[in-house]
Structure formats: structure tokens, C-alpha cells
Amino acid sequence: RLPQSPHRASGFTLLDLLIALTIVGILFGIAIPGLKNAVARVQAGSARTAITATLFDAQRHATILGREVVICPGESQCVGGADWSQGWLAFIDYNGDRRHGPGEQIVRQEPELPAGVRLRGTVGRPRIVYQPNGGNAGANITFTLCDRRGPEDALALILSNGGRLRSKRAALSAAAACTAGL
């Protein structure tokens, strides 16, 4: 029999360490997806705020200045198309050509959306033109805003010709097309 030490050894055994690491791993496994969803929700909310603010700023400038204001996809140039995820530009269209040129004041400019967030407009509606009366030329435009949470969380933002903006759950086909590849 070995003599007992008056001081007992303290510390962790390898088994204690493995159990603790397993518990931490399980907690991270549960928390990480929730954190990713929260981040995606916040980023989509920021994108919604940005497009809404742009629409209202453009409408306000058009009515106050009595000039057409164009909003188009593309952070620095109007690239047209249905994908607004690369950012957008709102400017006062002094010459009426629907393209941003020298001397045309930028009302608002938004950068590319974060990875995992997408904003798609109605196909065939490459820009929005606010007229001095506050309405916008052309048919209604529907934006589909989606993120990596999936199609069930996609949102439709509908802008009427009169300049009213409303939101609702995106149609399943539009939501699926928006989230494809995210």
C-alpha cells in the first residue's frame, strides 16, 4: 500500500476534458444555425430599409424639384436587369435619357448587398422613373427580397404606379427563383 499524500491532486482528467468539449460542441452546433439565421434576418431587414429609403427619397426629390428621378440597379452605373443585389443608384435625370450622366445629381447610392441576401425586381422593369407628380412611369414593380434562410422567409415589396409601397409574403415561385444559388 502506497502512503497517502496529505494533499490530494487536483485537476481534470482526460475524460473530464472530453466530456466538457463534447458539451461545448453540442451547444455550438445548436447555436450556430440560430446565429446565422439572425444575421440573415438583420441583413435582409437592412436591405429592405435601404430600398424603401431610396424609393421615398427619389419620390420626394421628384415632387420637390419638379424633375424626373431615376432609380436603377448598379451601384455606380445603371446596368438594367432584374437583379438589384449589386446595389442601386437614384439620380435626377436632367436630360431625360434614363442614364446617369455628368452633372446629374445623385440622390442616393447603395452598395452591393451582403452575401446571402438578394433583391430581384420585376423582369422587364430595369428602372423606376419617378415623375414630378410623385407617381412612377410604367407598370407596378415587385421586388422579391430573400436571404439564405430560404423561400419561406422571402418578402415581396410592391410599388404601385402612384408611388405606394406595400409588402407581403413573396409568391412561392418568385421566392424559389430568388433563393436559388444562395
C-alpha atoms as a PDB file:
ATOM      1  CA  ARG A   1       0.000   0.000   0.000  1.00  0.00           C
ATOM      2  CA  LEU A   2       1.274   3.458  -1.009  1.00  0.00           C
ATOM      3  CA  PRO A   3       1.328   6.154   1.585  1.00  0.00           C
ATOM      4  CA  GLN A   4      -1.461   8.734   1.199  1.00  0.00           C
ATOM      5  CA  SER A   5      -0.383  12.265   0.481  1.00  0.00           C
ATOM      6  CA  PRO A   6      -1.843  14.880   2.779  1.00  0.00           C
ATOM      7  CA  HIS A   7      -2.665  16.938  -0.328  1.00  0.00           C
ATOM      8  CA  ARG A   8      -4.918  15.444  -2.908  1.00  0.00           C
ATOM      9  CA  ALA A   9      -4.015  16.110  -6.557  1.00  0.00           C
ATOM     10  CA  SER A  10      -6.424  18.481  -8.260  1.00  0.00           C
ATOM     11  CA  GLY A  11      -7.158  18.984 -11.935  1.00  0.00           C
ATOM     12  CA  PHE A  12      -9.064  17.459 -14.802  1.00  0.00           C
ATOM     13  CA  THR A  13      -8.782  14.013 -16.145  1.00  0.00           C
ATOM     14  CA  LEU A  14      -8.763  13.352 -19.847  1.00  0.00           C
ATOM     15  CA  LEU A  15     -12.294  12.018 -19.536  1.00  0.00           C
ATOM     16  CA  ASP A  16     -13.462  15.254 -17.855  1.00  0.00           C
ATOM     17  CA  LEU A  17     -11.933  17.269 -20.689  1.00  0.00           C
ATOM     18  CA  LEU A  18     -13.565  15.115 -23.388  1.00  0.00           C
ATOM     19  CA  ILE A  19     -16.982  15.416 -21.736  1.00  0.00           C
ATOM     20  CA  ALA A  20     -16.634  19.212 -21.463  1.00  0.00           C
ATOM     21  CA  LEU A  21     -15.560  19.529 -25.115  1.00  0.00           C
ATOM     22  CA  THR A  22     -18.481  17.358 -26.229  1.00  0.00           C
ATOM     23  CA  ILE A  23     -20.943  19.566 -24.355  1.00  0.00           C
ATOM     24  CA  VAL A  24     -19.402  22.729 -25.814  1.00  0.00           C
ATOM     25  CA  GLY A  25     -19.543  21.189 -29.308  1.00  0.00           C
ATOM     26  CA  ILE A  26     -23.222  20.334 -28.922  1.00  0.00           C
ATOM     27  CA  LEU A  27     -24.014  23.858 -27.703  1.00  0.00           C
ATOM     28  CA  PHE A  28     -22.177  25.402 -30.661  1.00  0.00           C
ATOM     29  CA  GLY A  29     -23.954  23.015 -33.019  1.00  0.00           C
ATOM     30  CA  ILE A  30     -27.276  24.298 -31.735  1.00  0.00           C
ATOM     31  CA  ALA A  31     -26.311  27.986 -31.529  1.00  0.00           C
ATOM     32  CA  ILE A  32     -24.530  28.495 -34.866  1.00  0.00           C
ATOM     33  CA  PRO A  33     -27.559  27.903 -37.160  1.00  0.00           C
ATOM     34  CA  GLY A  34     -29.652  30.218 -34.988  1.00  0.00           C
ATOM     35  CA  LEU A  35     -26.965  32.873 -35.135  1.00  0.00           C
ATOM     36  CA  LYS A  36     -26.695  32.559 -38.932  1.00  0.00           C
ATOM     37  CA  ASN A  37     -30.469  32.955 -39.249  1.00  0.00           C
ATOM     38  CA  ALA A  38     -30.414  36.027 -37.013  1.00  0.00           C
ATOM     39  CA  VAL A  39     -27.637  37.602 -39.090  1.00  0.00           C
ATOM     40  CA  ALA A  40     -29.527  36.842 -42.332  1.00  0.00           C
ATOM     41  CA  ARG A  41     -32.708  38.382 -40.896  1.00  0.00           C
ATOM     42  CA  VAL A  42     -30.858  41.566 -39.917  1.00  0.00           C
ATOM     43  CA  GLN A  43     -29.119  41.841 -43.308  1.00  0.00           C
ATOM     44  CA  ALA A  44     -32.420  41.367 -45.171  1.00  0.00           C
ATOM     45  CA  GLY A  45     -34.019  43.983 -42.926  1.00  0.00           C
ATOM     46  CA  SER A  46     -31.217  46.422 -43.754  1.00  0.00           C
ATOM     47  CA  ALA A  47     -31.700  45.794 -47.479  1.00  0.00           C
ATOM     48  CA  ARG A  48     -35.446  46.428 -47.120  1.00  0.00           C
ATOM     49  CA  THR A  49     -34.760  49.674 -45.284  1.00  0.00           C
ATOM     50  CA  ALA A  50     -32.268  50.775 -47.950  1.00  0.00           C
ATOM     51  CA  ILE A  51     -34.579  50.172 -50.937  1.00  0.00           C
ATOM     52  CA  THR A  52     -37.523  51.758 -49.100  1.00  0.00           C
ATOM     53  CA  ALA A  53     -35.469  54.840 -48.198  1.00  0.00           C
ATOM     54  CA  THR A  54     -34.262  55.124 -51.793  1.00  0.00           C
ATOM     55  CA  LEU A  55     -37.812  54.951 -53.154  1.00  0.00           C
ATOM     56  CA  PHE A  56     -39.062  57.623 -50.761  1.00  0.00           C
ATOM     57  CA  ASP A  57     -36.044  59.894 -51.300  1.00  0.00           C
ATOM     58  CA  ALA A  58     -36.468  59.646 -55.069  1.00  0.00           C
ATOM     59  CA  GLN A  59     -40.190  60.400 -54.873  1.00  0.00           C
ATOM     60  CA  ARG A  60     -39.555  63.367 -52.585  1.00  0.00           C
ATOM     61  CA  HIS A  61     -36.867  64.812 -54.862  1.00  0.00           C
ATOM     62  CA  ALA A  62     -39.062  64.374 -57.939  1.00  0.00           C
ATOM     63  CA  THR A  63     -42.004  66.221 -56.385  1.00  0.00           C
ATOM     64  CA  ILE A  64     -39.995  68.989 -54.733  1.00  0.00           C
ATOM     65  CA  LEU A  65     -37.717  69.697 -57.709  1.00  0.00           C
ATOM     66  CA  GLY A  66     -40.321  69.054 -60.410  1.00  0.00           C
ATOM     67  CA  ARG A  67     -37.884  66.741 -62.221  1.00  0.00           C
ATOM     68  CA  GLU A  68     -37.813  63.056 -63.079  1.00  0.00           C
ATOM     69  CA  VAL A  69     -35.710  60.905 -60.759  1.00  0.00           C
ATOM     70  CA  VAL A  70     -34.467  57.533 -61.982  1.00  0.00           C
ATOM     71  CA  ILE A  71     -33.619  54.548 -59.782  1.00  0.00           C
ATOM     72  CA  CYS A  72     -31.764  51.702 -61.446  1.00  0.00           C
ATOM     73  CA  PRO A  73     -29.749  48.635 -60.463  1.00  0.00           C
ATOM     74  CA  GLY A  74     -25.978  49.002 -60.426  1.00  0.00           C
ATOM     75  CA  GLU A  75     -24.008  50.743 -57.705  1.00  0.00           C
ATOM     76  CA  SER A  76     -22.308  53.306 -59.951  1.00  0.00           C
ATOM     77  CA  GLN A  77     -23.911  52.902 -63.399  1.00  0.00           C
ATOM     78  CA  CYS A  78     -27.377  51.827 -64.458  1.00  0.00           C
ATOM     79  CA  VAL A  79     -26.837  48.275 -65.633  1.00  0.00           C
ATOM     80  CA  GLY A  80     -30.515  47.400 -66.023  1.00  0.00           C
ATOM     81  CA  GLY A  81     -31.909  43.943 -65.481  1.00  0.00           C
ATOM     82  CA  ALA A  82     -33.874  42.390 -62.667  1.00  0.00           C
ATOM     83  CA  ASP A  83     -31.062  41.823 -60.134  1.00  0.00           C
ATOM     84  CA  TRP A  84     -30.692  44.750 -57.748  1.00  0.00           C
ATOM     85  CA  SER A  85     -28.320  42.888 -55.409  1.00  0.00           C
ATOM     86  CA  GLN A  86     -25.266  44.652 -56.866  1.00  0.00           C
ATOM     87  CA  GLY A  87     -26.537  47.926 -55.413  1.00  0.00           C
ATOM     88  CA  TRP A  88     -28.538  50.734 -56.989  1.00  0.00           C
ATOM     89  CA  LEU A  89     -28.397  54.368 -57.915  1.00  0.00           C
ATOM     90  CA  ALA A  90     -31.009  57.140 -57.788  1.00  0.00           C
ATOM     91  CA  PHE A  91     -30.317  60.335 -59.717  1.00  0.00           C
ATOM     92  CA  ILE A  92     -32.047  63.410 -61.098  1.00  0.00           C
ATOM     93  CA  ASP A  93     -32.453  62.838 -64.828  1.00  0.00           C
ATOM     94  CA  TYR A  94     -31.968  66.360 -66.225  1.00  0.00           C
ATOM     95  CA  ASN A  95     -31.683  65.272 -69.883  1.00  0.00           C
ATOM     96  CA  GLY A  96     -34.396  62.581 -69.824  1.00  0.00           C
ATOM     97  CA  ASP A  97     -32.251  59.754 -71.246  1.00  0.00           C
ATOM     98  CA  ARG A  98     -32.692  57.446 -68.200  1.00  0.00           C
ATOM     99  CA  ARG A  99     -28.897  57.062 -67.893  1.00  0.00           C
ATOM    100  CA  HIS A 100     -26.744  58.714 -65.266  1.00  0.00           C
ATOM    101  CA  GLY A 101     -24.529  61.255 -66.961  1.00  0.00           C
ATOM    102  CA  PRO A 102     -22.141  64.028 -65.986  1.00  0.00           C
ATOM    103  CA  GLY A 103     -23.801  66.782 -63.990  1.00  0.00           C
ATOM    104  CA  GLU A 104     -26.792  64.682 -62.966  1.00  0.00           C
ATOM    105  CA  GLN A 105     -27.072  64.820 -59.190  1.00  0.00           C
ATOM    106  CA  ILE A 106     -27.093  61.528 -57.288  1.00  0.00           C
ATOM    107  CA  VAL A 107     -29.982  61.398 -54.842  1.00  0.00           C
ATOM    108  CA  ARG A 108     -28.948  58.112 -53.240  1.00  0.00           C
ATOM    109  CA  GLN A 109     -26.442  55.363 -53.939  1.00  0.00           C
ATOM    110  CA  GLU A 110     -26.487  51.961 -52.258  1.00  0.00           C
ATOM    111  CA  PRO A 111     -23.640  49.411 -52.315  1.00  0.00           C
ATOM    112  CA  GLU A 112     -23.833  45.717 -53.108  1.00  0.00           C
ATOM    113  CA  LEU A 113     -25.929  43.682 -50.689  1.00  0.00           C
ATOM    114  CA  PRO A 114     -24.143  41.280 -48.322  1.00  0.00           C
ATOM    115  CA  ALA A 115     -23.502  37.726 -49.496  1.00  0.00           C
ATOM    116  CA  GLY A 116     -26.564  35.599 -48.875  1.00  0.00           C
ATOM    117  CA  VAL A 117     -29.078  38.429 -49.461  1.00  0.00           C
ATOM    118  CA  ARG A 118     -30.703  39.044 -52.836  1.00  0.00           C
ATOM    119  CA  LEU A 119     -33.097  41.672 -54.204  1.00  0.00           C
ATOM    120  CA  ARG A 120     -34.784  40.946 -57.537  1.00  0.00           C
ATOM    121  CA  GLY A 121     -37.128  43.260 -59.399  1.00  0.00           C
ATOM    122  CA  THR A 122     -39.813  42.508 -61.939  1.00  0.00           C
ATOM    123  CA  VAL A 123     -38.326  41.177 -65.187  1.00  0.00           C
ATOM    124  CA  GLY A 124     -38.707  43.786 -67.913  1.00  0.00           C
ATOM    125  CA  ARG A 125     -38.651  46.657 -65.421  1.00  0.00           C
ATOM    126  CA  PRO A 126     -34.945  47.675 -65.437  1.00  0.00           C
ATOM    127  CA  ARG A 127     -35.505  51.036 -63.724  1.00  0.00           C
ATOM    128  CA  ILE A 128     -38.028  53.150 -61.850  1.00  0.00           C
ATOM    129  CA  VAL A 129     -38.739  56.682 -63.037  1.00  0.00           C
ATOM    130  CA  TYR A 130     -40.464  58.991 -60.569  1.00  0.00           C
ATOM    131  CA  GLN A 131     -42.288  61.829 -62.243  1.00  0.00           C
ATOM    132  CA  PRO A 132     -42.814  65.325 -60.790  1.00  0.00           C
ATOM    133  CA  ASN A 133     -46.346  64.333 -59.702  1.00  0.00           C
ATOM    134  CA  GLY A 134     -44.873  61.633 -57.383  1.00  0.00           C
ATOM    135  CA  GLY A 135     -46.036  58.678 -59.456  1.00  0.00           C
ATOM    136  CA  ASN A 136     -43.759  56.384 -61.377  1.00  0.00           C
ATOM    137  CA  ALA A 137     -43.982  55.655 -65.064  1.00  0.00           C
ATOM    138  CA  GLY A 138     -44.783  52.162 -66.280  1.00  0.00           C
ATOM    139  CA  ALA A 139     -46.413  49.213 -64.577  1.00  0.00           C
ATOM    140  CA  ASN A 140     -46.178  48.247 -60.918  1.00  0.00           C
ATOM    141  CA  ILE A 141     -42.850  46.763 -59.909  1.00  0.00           C
ATOM    142  CA  THR A 142     -42.468  43.920 -57.445  1.00  0.00           C
ATOM    143  CA  PHE A 143     -39.206  43.378 -55.630  1.00  0.00           C
ATOM    144  CA  THR A 144     -38.532  39.973 -54.131  1.00  0.00           C
ATOM    145  CA  LEU A 145     -36.201  40.178 -51.134  1.00  0.00           C
ATOM    146  CA  CYS A 146     -34.744  36.886 -49.968  1.00  0.00           C
ATOM    147  CA  ASP A 147     -31.836  35.529 -47.969  1.00  0.00           C
ATOM    148  CA  ARG A 148     -30.215  32.244 -47.072  1.00  0.00           C
ATOM    149  CA  ARG A 149     -32.986  31.381 -44.593  1.00  0.00           C
ATOM    150  CA  GLY A 150     -34.975  30.068 -47.570  1.00  0.00           C
ATOM    151  CA  PRO A 151     -38.020  30.780 -49.733  1.00  0.00           C
ATOM    152  CA  GLU A 152     -40.474  30.701 -46.824  1.00  0.00           C
ATOM    153  CA  ASP A 153     -38.913  33.905 -45.439  1.00  0.00           C
ATOM    154  CA  ALA A 154     -38.855  35.805 -48.761  1.00  0.00           C
ATOM    155  CA  LEU A 155     -40.736  39.086 -48.931  1.00  0.00           C
ATOM    156  CA  ALA A 156     -42.435  40.865 -51.832  1.00  0.00           C
ATOM    157  CA  LEU A 157     -42.294  44.672 -51.931  1.00  0.00           C
ATOM    158  CA  ILE A 158     -44.839  46.029 -54.415  1.00  0.00           C
ATOM    159  CA  LEU A 159     -44.526  49.607 -55.685  1.00  0.00           C
ATOM    160  CA  SER A 160     -47.658  50.917 -57.410  1.00  0.00           C
ATOM    161  CA  ASN A 161     -47.692  53.495 -60.191  1.00  0.00           C
ATOM    162  CA  GLY A 162     -48.996  56.020 -57.693  1.00  0.00           C
ATOM    163  CA  GLY A 163     -45.892  55.570 -55.557  1.00  0.00           C
ATOM    164  CA  ARG A 164     -47.440  53.492 -52.764  1.00  0.00           C
ATOM    165  CA  LEU A 165     -45.294  50.704 -51.350  1.00  0.00           C
ATOM    166  CA  ARG A 166     -46.717  47.633 -49.663  1.00  0.00           C
ATOM    167  CA  SER A 167     -45.247  44.317 -48.608  1.00  0.00           C
ATOM    168  CA  LYS A 168     -46.473  40.763 -48.358  1.00  0.00           C
ATOM    169  CA  ARG A 169     -45.106  37.238 -48.387  1.00  0.00           C
ATOM    170  CA  ALA A 170     -43.443  36.525 -51.733  1.00  0.00           C
ATOM    171  CA  ALA A 171     -45.085  34.128 -54.155  1.00  0.00           C
ATOM    172  CA  LEU A 172     -43.532  30.681 -53.882  1.00  0.00           C
ATOM    173  CA  SER A 173     -42.207  30.692 -57.474  1.00  0.00           C
ATOM    174  CA  ALA A 174     -40.599  34.135 -57.070  1.00  0.00           C
ATOM    175  CA  ALA A 175     -39.170  33.161 -53.678  1.00  0.00           C
ATOM    176  CA  ALA A 176     -37.692  29.950 -55.054  1.00  0.00           C
ATOM    177  CA  ALA A 177     -36.122  31.789 -58.010  1.00  0.00           C
ATOM    178  CA  CYS A 178     -34.709  34.420 -55.648  1.00  0.00           C
ATOM    179  CA  THR A 179     -33.127  31.951 -53.233  1.00  0.00           C
ATOM    180  CA  ALA A 180     -31.716  29.642 -55.922  1.00  0.00           C
ATOM    181  CA  GLY A 181     -27.948  29.550 -55.550  1.00  0.00           C
ATOM    182  CA  LEU A 182     -27.720  31.426 -52.232  1.00  0.00           C
END
